[in-house]
Amino acid sequence: MIERDGSAAGAATLGAQLTDRLRDIADRCDLVVDVRGRGLLQGIELAAPDGTISADDLGRAVTAACLERGLHINLLQVPGAGGVMRIAPPLTIEEADLHRGLDVLDAALLEVAEATEVTVGVPA
């Protein structure tokens, strides 16, 4: 079924778009200190550049801001690793839906960064 429906090829294409968008977000928002993963299974690591806010608190704030906008994002719930957000959309996701979710994540990060007075660049 995966071969027949082209899911692997689609995941590779959308995964590249996901990587590009996450790296763009990381370039503009100092809260995002790492982007990692491959295909449609990726993650971002959050940390306050000045260390004044714990990664756990940042993760909770970004998760709440995403939920307020209708996006459920998977926050790693291991104590001390709360700043790692897993992004794992389904293999069947449509391109528009992937980008709509990333737009929500971007807006949530912007809100939290502004609330915590972290540097946020102007979108290109």
PDB file of N, CA and C in Angstrom:
ATOM      1  N   MET A   1       0.831  -1.183   0.000  1.00  0.00           N
ATOM      2  CA  MET A   1       0.000   0.000   0.000  1.00  0.00           C
ATOM      3  C   MET A   1       0.880   1.253   0.000  1.00  0.00           C
ATOM      4  N   ILE A   2       1.970   1.238   0.768  1.00  0.00           N
ATOM      5  CA  ILE A   2       2.860   2.399   0.811  1.00  0.00           C
ATOM      6  C   ILE A   2       3.458   2.648  -0.560  1.00  0.00           C
ATOM      7  N   GLU A   3       3.918   1.578  -1.221  1.00  0.00           N
ATOM      8  CA  GLU A   3       4.468   1.727  -2.566  1.00  0.00           C
ATOM      9  C   GLU A   3       3.385   2.131  -3.559  1.00  0.00           C
ATOM     10  N   ARG A   4       2.245   1.457  -3.499  1.00  0.00           N
ATOM     11  CA  ARG A   4       1.149   1.726  -4.438  1.00  0.00           C
ATOM     12  C   ARG A   4       0.681   3.179  -4.365  1.00  0.00           C
ATOM     13  N   ASP A   5       0.553   3.704  -3.161  1.00  0.00           N
ATOM     14  CA  ASP A   5       0.027   5.060  -2.976  1.00  0.00           C
ATOM     15  C   ASP A   5       1.102   6.136  -3.014  1.00  0.00           C
ATOM     16  N   GLY A   6       2.365   5.728  -3.124  1.00  0.00           N
ATOM     17  CA  GLY A   6       3.450   6.703  -3.189  1.00  0.00           C
ATOM     18  C   GLY A   6       3.704   7.429  -1.876  1.00  0.00           C
ATOM     19  N   SER A   7       3.336   6.799  -0.767  1.00  0.00           N
ATOM     20  CA  SER A   7       3.489   7.455   0.537  1.00  0.00           C
ATOM     21  C   SER A   7       4.936   7.765   0.873  1.00  0.00           C
ATOM     22  N   ALA A   8       5.859   6.863   0.536  1.00  0.00           N
ATOM     23  CA  ALA A   8       7.268   7.094   0.863  1.00  0.00           C
ATOM     24  C   ALA A   8       7.813   8.291   0.097  1.00  0.00           C
ATOM     25  N   ALA A   9       7.500   8.371  -1.189  1.00  0.00           N
ATOM     26  CA  ALA A   9       7.975   9.500  -1.993  1.00  0.00           C
ATOM     27  C   ALA A   9       7.347  10.802  -1.506  1.00  0.00           C
ATOM     28  N   GLY A  10       6.073  10.750  -1.178  1.00  0.00           N
ATOM     29  CA  GLY A  10       5.398  11.942  -0.667  1.00  0.00           C
ATOM     30  C   GLY A  10       5.976  12.388   0.666  1.00  0.00           C
ATOM     31  N   ALA A  11       6.289  11.424   1.518  1.00  0.00           N
ATOM     32  CA  ALA A  11       6.880  11.753   2.821  1.00  0.00           C
ATOM     33  C   ALA A  11       8.253  12.384   2.648  1.00  0.00           C
ATOM     34  N   ALA A  12       9.012  11.915   1.679  1.00  0.00           N
ATOM     35  CA  ALA A  12      10.337  12.494   1.434  1.00  0.00           C
ATOM     36  C   ALA A  12      10.210  13.941   0.956  1.00  0.00           C
ATOM     37  N   THR A  13       9.283  14.182   0.060  1.00  0.00           N
ATOM     38  CA  THR A  13       9.075  15.542  -0.458  1.00  0.00           C
ATOM     39  C   THR A  13       8.590  16.476   0.641  1.00  0.00           C
ATOM     40  N   LEU A  14       7.570  16.049   1.364  1.00  0.00           N
ATOM     41  CA  LEU A  14       7.039  16.890   2.440  1.00  0.00           C
ATOM     42  C   LEU A  14       8.028  16.999   3.596  1.00  0.00           C
ATOM     43  N   GLY A  15       8.810  15.953   3.826  1.00  0.00           N
ATOM     44  CA  GLY A  15       9.831  16.008   4.864  1.00  0.00           C
ATOM     45  C   GLY A  15      10.870  17.079   4.575  1.00  0.00           C
ATOM     46  N   ALA A  16      11.246  17.222   3.313  1.00  0.00           N
ATOM     47  CA  ALA A  16      12.196  18.274   2.934  1.00  0.00           C
ATOM     48  C   ALA A  16      11.586  19.650   3.177  1.00  0.00           C
ATOM     49  N   GLN A  17      10.303  19.792   2.877  1.00  0.00           N
ATOM     50  CA  GLN A  17       9.628  21.069   3.143  1.00  0.00           C
ATOM     51  C   GLN A  17       9.544  21.330   4.640  1.00  0.00           C
ATOM     52  N   LEU A  18       9.274  20.289   5.410  1.00  0.00           N
ATOM     53  CA  LEU A  18       9.216  20.420   6.863  1.00  0.00           C
ATOM     54  C   LEU A  18      10.565  20.877   7.411  1.00  0.00           C
ATOM     55  N   THR A  19      11.636  20.250   6.953  1.00  0.00           N
ATOM     56  CA  THR A  19      12.981  20.643   7.390  1.00  0.00           C
ATOM     57  C   THR A  19      13.258  22.100   7.055  1.00  0.00           C
ATOM     58  N   ASP A  20      12.961  22.495   5.832  1.00  0.00           N
ATOM     59  CA  ASP A  20      13.209  23.883   5.412  1.00  0.00           C
ATOM     60  C   ASP A  20      12.431  24.871   6.268  1.00  0.00           C
ATOM     61  N   ARG A  21      11.163  24.574   6.521  1.00  0.00           N
ATOM     62  CA  ARG A  21      10.352  25.487   7.337  1.00  0.00           C
ATOM     63  C   ARG A  21      10.851  25.559   8.771  1.00  0.00           C
ATOM     64  N   LEU A  22      11.199  24.405   9.356  1.00  0.00           N
ATOM     65  CA  LEU A  22      11.686  24.407  10.738  1.00  0.00           C
ATOM     66  C   LEU A  22      13.013  25.146  10.857  1.00  0.00           C
ATOM     67  N   ARG A  23      13.880  24.983   9.889  1.00  0.00           N
ATOM     68  CA  ARG A  23      15.156  25.706   9.916  1.00  0.00           C
ATOM     69  C   ARG A  23      14.937  27.203   9.753  1.00  0.00           C
ATOM     70  N   ASP A  24      13.988  27.588   8.924  1.00  0.00           N
ATOM     71  CA  ASP A  24      13.658  29.007   8.778  1.00  0.00           C
ATOM     72  C   ASP A  24      13.144  29.565  10.106  1.00  0.00           C
ATOM     73  N   ILE A  25      12.278  28.824  10.761  1.00  0.00           N
ATOM     74  CA  ILE A  25      11.764  29.254  12.064  1.00  0.00           C
ATOM     75  C   ILE A  25      12.918  29.381  13.057  1.00  0.00           C
ATOM     76  N   ALA A  26      13.812  28.398  13.070  1.00  0.00           N
ATOM     77  CA  ALA A  26      14.955  28.430  13.991  1.00  0.00           C
ATOM     78  C   ALA A  26      15.865  29.623  13.712  1.00  0.00           C
ATOM     79  N   ASP A  27      16.026  29.979  12.443  1.00  0.00           N
ATOM     80  CA  ASP A  27      16.860  31.133  12.088  1.00  0.00           C
ATOM     81  C   ASP A  27      16.275  32.443  12.592  1.00  0.00           C
ATOM     82  N   ARG A  28      14.945  32.487  12.723  1.00  0.00           N
ATOM     83  CA  ARG A  28      14.281  33.722  13.127  1.00  0.00           C
ATOM     84  C   ARG A  28      13.938  33.792  14.607  1.00  0.00           C
ATOM     85  N   CYS A  29      13.966  32.663  15.296  1.00  0.00           N
ATOM     86  CA  CYS A  29      13.532  32.638  16.693  1.00  0.00           C
ATOM     87  C   CYS A  29      14.613  32.003  17.560  1.00  0.00           C
ATOM     88  N   ASP A  30      15.160  32.773  18.469  1.00  0.00           N
ATOM     89  CA  ASP A  30      16.229  32.291  19.334  1.00  0.00           C
ATOM     90  C   ASP A  30      15.788  31.236  20.339  1.00  0.00           C
ATOM     91  N   LEU A  31      14.483  31.003  20.460  1.00  0.00           N
ATOM     92  CA  LEU A  31      14.011  29.933  21.338  1.00  0.00           C
ATOM     93  C   LEU A  31      14.344  28.559  20.780  1.00  0.00           C
ATOM     94  N   VAL A  32      14.428  28.447  19.452  1.00  0.00           N
ATOM     95  CA  VAL A  32      14.684  27.163  18.801  1.00  0.00           C
ATOM     96  C   VAL A  32      16.194  27.008  18.650  1.00  0.00           C
ATOM     97  N   VAL A  33      16.756  26.060  19.396  1.00  0.00           N
ATOM     98  CA  VAL A  33      18.207  25.883  19.390  1.00  0.00           C
ATOM     99  C   VAL A  33      18.657  24.702  18.547  1.00  0.00           C
ATOM    100  N   ASP A  34      17.714  23.838  18.145  1.00  0.00           N
ATOM    101  CA  ASP A  34      18.096  22.706  17.300  1.00  0.00           C
ATOM    102  C   ASP A  34      16.886  22.205  16.534  1.00  0.00           C
ATOM    103  N   VAL A  35      17.146  21.772  15.306  1.00  0.00           N
ATOM    104  CA  VAL A  35      16.158  21.095  14.470  1.00  0.00           C
ATOM    105  C   VAL A  35      16.789  19.771  14.092  1.00  0.00           C
ATOM    106  N   ARG A  36      16.054  18.685  14.323  1.00  0.00           N
ATOM    107  CA  ARG A  36      16.632  17.381  13.999  1.00  0.00           C
ATOM    108  C   ARG A  36      15.545  16.407  13.569  1.00  0.00           C
ATOM    109  N   GLY A  37      15.988  15.370  12.895  1.00  0.00           N
ATOM    110  CA  GLY A  37      15.079  14.340  12.421  1.00  0.00           C
ATOM    111  C   GLY A  37      15.207  14.165  10.922  1.00  0.00           C
ATOM    112  N   ARG A  38      14.294  13.396  10.372  1.00  0.00           N
ATOM    113  CA  ARG A  38      14.284  13.200   8.928  1.00  0.00           C
ATOM    114  C   ARG A  38      12.876  12.865   8.472  1.00  0.00           C
ATOM    115  N   GLY A  39      12.634  13.189   7.222  1.00  0.00           N
ATOM    116  CA  GLY A  39      11.309  12.934   6.673  1.00  0.00           C
ATOM    117  C   GLY A  39      10.241  13.673   7.453  1.00  0.00           C
ATOM    118  N   LEU A  40       9.162  12.974   7.728  1.00  0.00           N
ATOM    119  CA  LEU A  40       8.068  13.587   8.476  1.00  0.00           C
ATOM    120  C   LEU A  40       8.134  13.301   9.970  1.00  0.00           C
ATOM    121  N   LEU A  41       9.289  12.876  10.442  1.00  0.00           N
ATOM    122  CA  LEU A  41       9.493  12.699  11.885  1.00  0.00           C
ATOM    123  C   LEU A  41      10.665  13.581  12.288  1.00  0.00           C
ATOM    124  N   GLN A  42      10.330  14.740  12.812  1.00  0.00           N
ATOM    125  CA  GLN A  42      11.351  15.715  13.170  1.00  0.00           C
ATOM    126  C   GLN A  42      11.022  16.316  14.518  1.00  0.00           C
ATOM    127  N   GLY A  43      11.948  17.103  15.010  1.00  0.00           N
ATOM    128  CA  GLY A  43      11.727  17.745  16.286  1.00  0.00           C
ATOM    129  C   GLY A  43      12.502  19.042  16.380  1.00  0.00           C
ATOM    130  N   ILE A  44      12.072  19.862  17.305  1.00  0.00           N
ATOM    131  CA  ILE A  44      12.797  21.093  17.608  1.00  0.00           C
ATOM    132  C   ILE A  44      13.086  21.089  19.098  1.00  0.00           C
ATOM    133  N   GLU A  45      14.224  21.651  19.438  1.00  0.00           N
ATOM    134  CA  GLU A  45      14.586  21.797  20.843  1.00  0.00           C
ATOM    135  C   GLU A  45      14.505  23.262  21.205  1.00  0.00           C
ATOM    136  N   LEU A  46      13.859  23.539  22.317  1.00  0.00           N
ATOM    137  CA  LEU A  46      13.668  24.905  22.789  1.00  0.00           C
ATOM    138  C   LEU A  46      14.555  25.186  23.991  1.00  0.00           C
ATOM    139  N   ALA A  47      15.073  26.376  24.055  1.00  0.00           N
ATOM    140  CA  ALA A  47      15.833  26.830  25.221  1.00  0.00           C
ATOM    141  C   ALA A  47      15.882  28.347  25.185  1.00  0.00           C
ATOM    142  N   ALA A  48      15.825  28.950  26.357  1.00  0.00           N
ATOM    143  CA  ALA A  48      15.988  30.404  26.444  1.00  0.00           C
ATOM    144  C   ALA A  48      17.469  30.718  26.334  1.00  0.00           C
ATOM    145  N   PRO A  49      17.847  31.625  25.427  1.00  0.00           N
ATOM    146  CA  PRO A  49      19.265  31.932  25.234  1.00  0.00           C
ATOM    147  C   PRO A  49      19.963  32.391  26.511  1.00  0.00           C
ATOM    148  N   ASP A  50      19.225  33.090  27.362  1.00  0.00           N
ATOM    149  CA  ASP A  50      19.842  33.595  28.586  1.00  0.00           C
ATOM    150  C   ASP A  50      19.623  32.663  29.772  1.00  0.00           C
ATOM    151  N   GLY A  51      18.908  31.562  29.550  1.00  0.00           N
ATOM    152  CA  GLY A  51      18.691  30.576  30.596  1.00  0.00           C
ATOM    153  C   GLY A  51      17.734  30.998  31.696  1.00  0.00           C
ATOM    154  N   THR A  52      17.016  32.103  31.517  1.00  0.00           N
ATOM    155  CA  THR A  52      16.129  32.588  32.572  1.00  0.00           C
ATOM    156  C   THR A  52      14.834  31.795  32.673  1.00  0.00           C
ATOM    157  N   ILE A  53      14.484  31.074  31.627  1.00  0.00           N
ATOM    158  CA  ILE A  53      13.257  30.284  31.614  1.00  0.00           C
ATOM    159  C   ILE A  53      13.653  28.844  31.308  1.00  0.00           C
ATOM    160  N   SER A  54      13.124  27.906  32.057  1.00  0.00           N
ATOM    161  CA  SER A  54      13.484  26.514  31.821  1.00  0.00           C
ATOM    162  C   SER A  54      12.906  26.021  30.495  1.00  0.00           C
ATOM    163  N   ALA A  55      13.572  25.042  29.915  1.00  0.00           N
ATOM    164  CA  ALA A  55      13.086  24.441  28.673  1.00  0.00           C
ATOM    165  C   ALA A  55      11.715  23.813  28.886  1.00  0.00           C
ATOM    166  N   ASP A  56      11.502  23.233  30.061  1.00  0.00           N
ATOM    167  CA  ASP A  56      10.200  22.646  30.376  1.00  0.00           C
ATOM    168  C   ASP A  56       9.105  23.707  30.314  1.00  0.00           C
ATOM    169  N   ASP A  57       9.366  24.878  30.916  1.00  0.00           N
ATOM    170  CA  ASP A  57       8.375  25.958  30.906  1.00  0.00           C
ATOM    171  C   ASP A  57       8.148  26.500  29.495  1.00  0.00           C
ATOM    172  N   LEU A  58       9.216  26.624  28.717  1.00  0.00           N
ATOM    173  CA  LEU A  58       9.063  27.072  27.332  1.00  0.00           C
ATOM    174  C   LEU A  58       8.213  26.079  26.546  1.00  0.00           C
ATOM    175  N   GLY A  59       8.510  24.806  26.712  1.00  0.00           N
ATOM    176  CA  GLY A  59       7.747  23.785  26.008  1.00  0.00           C
ATOM    177  C   GLY A  59       6.273  23.824  26.360  1.00  0.00           C
ATOM    178  N   ARG A  60       5.984  23.986  27.642  1.00  0.00           N
ATOM    179  CA  ARG A  60       4.578  24.084  28.069  1.00  0.00           C
ATOM    180  C   ARG A  60       3.910  25.318  27.472  1.00  0.00           C
ATOM    181  N   ALA A  61       4.624  26.433  27.438  1.00  0.00           N
ATOM    182  CA  ALA A  61       4.048  27.670  26.901  1.00  0.00           C
ATOM    183  C   ALA A  61       3.779  27.556  25.400  1.00  0.00           C
ATOM    184  N   VAL A  62       4.705  26.987  24.661  1.00  0.00           N
ATOM    185  CA  VAL A  62       4.513  26.833  23.216  1.00  0.00           C
ATOM    186  C   VAL A  62       3.397  25.834  22.939  1.00  0.00           C
ATOM    187  N   THR A  63       3.353  24.747  23.707  1.00  0.00           N
ATOM    188  CA  THR A  63       2.286  23.763  23.534  1.00  0.00           C
ATOM    189  C   THR A  63       0.925  24.405  23.779  1.00  0.00           C
ATOM    190  N   ALA A  64       0.810  25.192  24.841  1.00  0.00           N
ATOM    191  CA  ALA A  64      -0.459  25.862  25.150  1.00  0.00           C
ATOM    192  C   ALA A  64      -0.840  26.846  24.052  1.00  0.00           C
ATOM    193  N   ALA A  65       0.137  27.595  23.540  1.00  0.00           N
ATOM    194  CA  ALA A  65      -0.141  28.562  22.471  1.00  0.00           C
ATOM    195  C   ALA A  65      -0.579  27.840  21.197  1.00  0.00           C
ATOM    196  N   CYS A  66      -0.010  26.679  20.918  1.00  0.00           N
ATOM    197  CA  CYS A  66      -0.432  25.886  19.755  1.00  0.00           C
ATOM    198  C   CYS A  66      -1.861  25.378  19.954  1.00  0.00           C
ATOM    199  N   LEU A  67      -2.143  24.838  21.154  1.00  0.00           N
ATOM    200  CA  LEU A  67      -3.477  24.307  21.428  1.00  0.00           C
ATOM    201  C   LEU A  67      -4.546  25.395  21.322  1.00  0.00           C
ATOM    202  N   GLU A  68      -4.232  26.600  21.780  1.00  0.00           N
ATOM    203  CA  GLU A  68      -5.176  27.717  21.663  1.00  0.00           C
ATOM    204  C   GLU A  68      -5.507  28.019  20.210  1.00  0.00           C
ATOM    205  N   ARG A  69      -4.588  27.691  19.319  1.00  0.00           N
ATOM    206  CA  ARG A  69      -4.777  27.929  17.887  1.00  0.00           C
ATOM    207  C   ARG A  69      -5.281  26.680  17.155  1.00  0.00           C
ATOM    208  N   GLY A  70      -5.553  25.611  17.907  1.00  0.00           N
ATOM    209  CA  GLY A  70      -6.121  24.414  17.304  1.00  0.00           C
ATOM    210  C   GLY A  70      -5.125  23.370  16.835  1.00  0.00           C
ATOM    211  N   LEU A  71      -3.858  23.489  17.225  1.00  0.00           N
ATOM    212  CA  LEU A  71      -2.840  22.523  16.816  1.00  0.00           C
ATOM    213  C   LEU A  71      -2.371  21.731  18.016  1.00  0.00           C
ATOM    214  N   HIS A  72      -2.509  20.425  17.938  1.00  0.00           N
ATOM    215  CA  HIS A  72      -1.978  19.553  18.988  1.00  0.00           C
ATOM    216  C   HIS A  72      -0.575  19.155  18.572  1.00  0.00           C
ATOM    217  N   ILE A  73       0.392  19.482  19.395  1.00  0.00           N
ATOM    218  CA  ILE A  73       1.781  19.145  19.101  1.00  0.00           C
ATOM    219  C   ILE A  73       2.296  18.295  20.241  1.00  0.00           C
ATOM    220  N   ASN A  74       3.151  17.352  19.926  1.00  0.00           N
ATOM    221  CA  ASN A  74       3.619  16.379  20.898  1.00  0.00           C
ATOM    222  C   ASN A  74       4.853  16.894  21.625  1.00  0.00           C
ATOM    223  N   LEU A  75       4.659  17.244  22.874  1.00  0.00           N
ATOM    224  CA  LEU A  75       5.752  17.696  23.726  1.00  0.00           C
ATOM    225  C   LEU A  75       6.286  16.492  24.483  1.00  0.00           C
ATOM    226  N   LEU A  76       7.586  16.280  24.408  1.00  0.00           N
ATOM    227  CA  LEU A  76       8.215  15.176  25.130  1.00  0.00           C
ATOM    228  C   LEU A  76       8.006  15.405  26.622  1.00  0.00           C
ATOM    229  N   GLN A  77       7.442  14.438  27.300  1.00  0.00           N
ATOM    230  CA  GLN A  77       7.058  14.600  28.697  1.00  0.00           C
ATOM    231  C   GLN A  77       8.056  13.999  29.683  1.00  0.00           C
ATOM    232  N   VAL A  78       9.313  13.963  29.332  1.00  0.00           N
ATOM    233  CA  VAL A  78      10.343  13.454  30.225  1.00  0.00           C
ATOM    234  C   VAL A  78      10.873  14.628  31.050  1.00  0.00           C
ATOM    235  N   PRO A  79      10.878  14.524  32.380  1.00  0.00           N
ATOM    236  CA  PRO A  79      11.383  15.630  33.189  1.00  0.00           C
ATOM    237  C   PRO A  79      12.784  16.051  32.744  1.00  0.00           C
ATOM    238  N   GLY A  80      12.939  17.344  32.550  1.00  0.00           N
ATOM    239  CA  GLY A  80      14.217  17.874  32.112  1.00  0.00           C
ATOM    240  C   GLY A  80      14.385  17.894  30.601  1.00  0.00           C
ATOM    241  N   ALA A  81      13.436  17.309  29.868  1.00  0.00           N
ATOM    242  CA  ALA A  81      13.508  17.320  28.400  1.00  0.00           C
ATOM    243  C   ALA A  81      12.245  17.931  27.819  1.00  0.00           C
ATOM    244  N   GLY A  82      11.590  18.786  28.594  1.00  0.00           N
ATOM    245  CA  GLY A  82      10.319  19.372  28.183  1.00  0.00           C
ATOM    246  C   GLY A  82      10.417  20.375  27.062  1.00  0.00           C
ATOM    247  N   GLY A  83      11.630  20.710  26.660  1.00  0.00           N
ATOM    248  CA  GLY A  83      11.791  21.647  25.572  1.00  0.00           C
ATOM    249  C   GLY A  83      11.948  20.976  24.220  1.00  0.00           C
ATOM    250  N   VAL A  84      11.742  19.680  24.158  1.00  0.00           N
ATOM    251  CA  VAL A  84      11.843  18.962  22.890  1.00  0.00           C
ATOM    252  C   VAL A  84      10.444  18.705  22.370  1.00  0.00           C
ATOM    253  N   MET A  85      10.166  19.251  21.193  1.00  0.00           N
ATOM    254  CA  MET A  85       8.852  19.094  20.588  1.00  0.00           C
ATOM    255  C   MET A  85       8.969  18.187  19.378  1.00  0.00           C
ATOM    256  N   ARG A  86       8.179  17.133  19.374  1.00  0.00           N
ATOM    257  CA  ARG A  86       8.184  16.171  18.274  1.00  0.00           C
ATOM    258  C   ARG A  86       7.121  16.578  17.263  1.00  0.00           C
ATOM    259  N   ILE A  87       7.517  16.596  16.003  1.00  0.00           N
ATOM    260  CA  ILE A  87       6.606  16.925  14.910  1.00  0.00           C
ATOM    261  C   ILE A  87       6.516  15.680  14.041  1.00  0.00           C
ATOM    262  N   ALA A  88       5.366  15.047  14.032  1.00  0.00           N
ATOM    263  CA  ALA A  88       5.196  13.784  13.330  1.00  0.00           C
ATOM    264  C   ALA A  88       3.821  13.722  12.667  1.00  0.00           C
ATOM    265  N   PRO A  89       3.635  14.503  11.607  1.00  0.00           N
ATOM    266  CA  PRO A  89       2.342  14.442  10.918  1.00  0.00           C
ATOM    267  C   PRO A  89       2.176  13.087  10.225  1.00  0.00           C
ATOM    268  N   PRO A  90       0.960  12.711   9.920  1.00  0.00           N
ATOM    269  CA  PRO A  90       0.740  11.431   9.246  1.00  0.00           C
ATOM    270  C   PRO A  90       1.340  11.427   7.837  1.00  0.00           C
ATOM    271  N   LEU A  91       1.689  10.254   7.353  1.00  0.00           N
ATOM    272  CA  LEU A  91       2.235  10.131   5.997  1.00  0.00           C
ATOM    273  C   LEU A  91       1.242  10.620   4.946  1.00  0.00           C
ATOM    274  N   THR A  92      -0.021  10.631   5.294  1.00  0.00           N
ATOM    275  CA  THR A  92      -1.065  11.017   4.340  1.00  0.00           C
ATOM    276  C   THR A  92      -1.398  12.507   4.390  1.00  0.00           C
ATOM    277  N   ILE A  93      -0.645  13.294   5.145  1.00  0.00           N
ATOM    278  CA  ILE A  93      -0.959  14.716   5.279  1.00  0.00           C
ATOM    279  C   ILE A  93      -0.859  15.419   3.923  1.00  0.00           C
ATOM    280  N   GLU A  94      -1.752  16.336   3.703  1.00  0.00           N
ATOM    281  CA  GLU A  94      -1.718  17.161   2.500  1.00  0.00           C
ATOM    282  C   GLU A  94      -0.716  18.292   2.717  1.00  0.00           C
ATOM    283  N   GLU A  95      -0.085  18.734   1.652  1.00  0.00           N
ATOM    284  CA  GLU A  95       0.923  19.791   1.745  1.00  0.00           C
ATOM    285  C   GLU A  95       0.370  21.048   2.419  1.00  0.00           C
ATOM    286  N   ALA A  96      -0.835  21.451   2.038  1.00  0.00           N
ATOM    287  CA  ALA A  96      -1.432  22.656   2.625  1.00  0.00           C
ATOM    288  C   ALA A  96      -1.628  22.510   4.132  1.00  0.00           C
ATOM    289  N   ASP A  97      -2.024  21.316   4.569  1.00  0.00           N
ATOM    290  CA  ASP A  97      -2.231  21.084   6.000  1.00  0.00           C
ATOM    291  C   ASP A  97      -0.912  21.119   6.760  1.00  0.00           C
ATOM    292  N   LEU A  98       0.155  20.568   6.162  1.00  0.00           N
ATOM    293  CA  LEU A  98       1.476  20.623   6.784  1.00  0.00           C
ATOM    294  C   LEU A  98       1.891  22.070   7.008  1.00  0.00           C
ATOM    295  N   HIS A  99       1.736  22.892   5.987  1.00  0.00           N
ATOM    296  CA  HIS A  99       2.155  24.289   6.106  1.00  0.00           C
ATOM    297  C   HIS A  99       1.243  25.082   7.033  1.00  0.00           C
ATOM    298  N   ARG A 100      -0.031  24.731   7.063  1.00  0.00           N
ATOM    299  CA  ARG A 100      -0.949  25.401   7.994  1.00  0.00           C
ATOM    300  C   ARG A 100      -0.528  25.102   9.439  1.00  0.00           C
ATOM    301  N   GLY A 101      -0.162  23.869   9.726  1.00  0.00           N
ATOM    302  CA  GLY A 101       0.315  23.509  11.062  1.00  0.00           C
ATOM    303  C   GLY A 101       1.607  24.218  11.413  1.00  0.00           C
ATOM    304  N   LEU A 102       2.510  24.329  10.441  1.00  0.00           N
ATOM    305  CA  LEU A 102       3.773  25.033  10.686  1.00  0.00           C
ATOM    306  C   LEU A 102       3.551  26.523  10.889  1.00  0.00           C
ATOM    307  N   ASP A 103       2.547  27.080  10.212  1.00  0.00           N
ATOM    308  CA  ASP A 103       2.198  28.486  10.437  1.00  0.00           C
ATOM    309  C   ASP A 103       1.729  28.694  11.877  1.00  0.00           C
ATOM    310  N   VAL A 104       0.949  27.746  12.392  1.00  0.00           N
ATOM    311  CA  VAL A 104       0.471  27.827  13.774  1.00  0.00           C
ATOM    312  C   VAL A 104       1.653  27.722  14.738  1.00  0.00           C
ATOM    313  N   LEU A 105       2.544  26.770  14.499  1.00  0.00           N
ATOM    314  CA  LEU A 105       3.723  26.618  15.350  1.00  0.00           C
ATOM    315  C   LEU A 105       4.559  27.886  15.332  1.00  0.00           C
ATOM    316  N   ASP A 106       4.758  28.456  14.162  1.00  0.00           N
ATOM    317  CA  ASP A 106       5.533  29.694  14.020  1.00  0.00           C
ATOM    318  C   ASP A 106       4.895  30.825  14.833  1.00  0.00           C
ATOM    319  N   ALA A 107       3.576  30.973  14.719  1.00  0.00           N
ATOM    320  CA  ALA A 107       2.876  32.027  15.467  1.00  0.00           C
ATOM    321  C   ALA A 107       2.968  31.790  16.971  1.00  0.00           C
ATOM    322  N   ALA A 108       2.863  30.535  17.392  1.00  0.00           N
ATOM    323  CA  ALA A 108       2.950  30.209  18.816  1.00  0.00           C
ATOM    324  C   ALA A 108       4.341  30.531  19.353  1.00  0.00           C
ATOM    325  N   LEU A 109       5.363  30.164  18.602  1.00  0.00           N
ATOM    326  CA  LEU A 109       6.734  30.485  19.018  1.00  0.00           C
ATOM    327  C   LEU A 109       6.942  31.988  19.094  1.00  0.00           C
ATOM    328  N   LEU A 110       6.405  32.717  18.134  1.00  0.00           N
ATOM    329  CA  LEU A 110       6.521  34.177  18.139  1.00  0.00           C
ATOM    330  C   LEU A 110       5.866  34.758  19.388  1.00  0.00           C
ATOM    331  N   GLU A 111       4.669  34.273  19.717  1.00  0.00           N
ATOM    332  CA  GLU A 111       3.963  34.761  20.904  1.00  0.00           C
ATOM    333  C   GLU A 111       4.779  34.505  22.174  1.00  0.00           C
ATOM    334  N   VAL A 112       5.286  33.309  22.321  1.00  0.00           N
ATOM    335  CA  VAL A 112       6.044  32.961  23.525  1.00  0.00           C
ATOM    336  C   VAL A 112       7.355  33.740  23.563  1.00  0.00           C
ATOM    337  N   ALA A 113       8.011  33.883  22.428  1.00  0.00           N
ATOM    338  CA  ALA A 113       9.264  34.639  22.383  1.00  0.00           C
ATOM    339  C   ALA A 113       9.036  36.092  22.774  1.00  0.00           C
ATOM    340  N   GLU A 114       7.971  36.681  22.261  1.00  0.00           N
ATOM    341  CA  GLU A 114       7.670  38.074  22.608  1.00  0.00           C
ATOM    342  C   GLU A 114       7.328  38.201  24.090  1.00  0.00           C
ATOM    343  N   ALA A 115       6.589  37.239  24.619  1.00  0.00           N
ATOM    344  CA  ALA A 115       6.206  37.278  26.028  1.00  0.00           C
ATOM    345  C   ALA A 115       7.419  37.123  26.941  1.00  0.00           C
ATOM    346  N   THR A 116       8.435  36.432  26.446  1.00  0.00           N
ATOM    347  CA  THR A 116       9.637  36.217  27.249  1.00  0.00           C
ATOM    348  C   THR A 116      10.773  37.137  26.819  1.00  0.00           C
ATOM    349  N   GLU A 117      10.455  38.041  25.903  1.00  0.00           N
ATOM    350  CA  GLU A 117      11.423  39.048  25.409  1.00  0.00           C
ATOM    351  C   GLU A 117      12.666  38.406  24.789  1.00  0.00           C
ATOM    352  N   VAL A 118      12.445  37.328  24.021  1.00  0.00           N
ATOM    353  CA  VAL A 118      13.524  36.671  23.297  1.00  0.00           C
ATOM    354  C   VAL A 118      13.576  37.251  21.891  1.00  0.00           C
ATOM    355  N   THR A 119      14.737  37.289  21.295  1.00  0.00           N
ATOM    356  CA  THR A 119      14.908  37.857  19.963  1.00  0.00           C
ATOM    357  C   THR A 119      14.154  37.043  18.923  1.00  0.00           C
ATOM    358  N   VAL A 120      13.385  37.750  18.105  1.00  0.00           N
ATOM    359  CA  VAL A 120      12.666  37.136  17.002  1.00  0.00           C
ATOM    360  C   VAL A 120      12.954  37.959  15.759  1.00  0.00           C
ATOM    361  N   GLY A 121      13.411  37.318  14.708  1.00  0.00           N
ATOM    362  CA  GLY A 121      13.707  38.012  13.460  1.00  0.00           C
ATOM    363  C   GLY A 121      12.450  38.264  12.657  1.00  0.00           C
ATOM    364  N   VAL A 122      12.572  39.114  11.666  1.00  0.00           N
ATOM    365  CA  VAL A 122      11.473  39.423  10.777  1.00  0.00           C
ATOM    366  C   VAL A 122      11.396  38.333   9.714  1.00  0.00           C
ATOM    367  N   PRO A 123      10.198  37.784   9.452  1.00  0.00           N
ATOM    368  CA  PRO A 123      10.082  36.750   8.423  1.00  0.00           C
ATOM    369  C   PRO A 123      10.555  37.261   7.066  1.00  0.00           C
ATOM    370  N   ALA A 124      11.143  36.362   6.308  1.00  0.00           N
ATOM    371  CA  ALA A 124      11.638  36.720   4.973  1.00  0.00           C
ATOM    372  C   ALA A 124      10.490  36.841   3.990  1.00  0.00           C
TER     373      ALA A 124
END
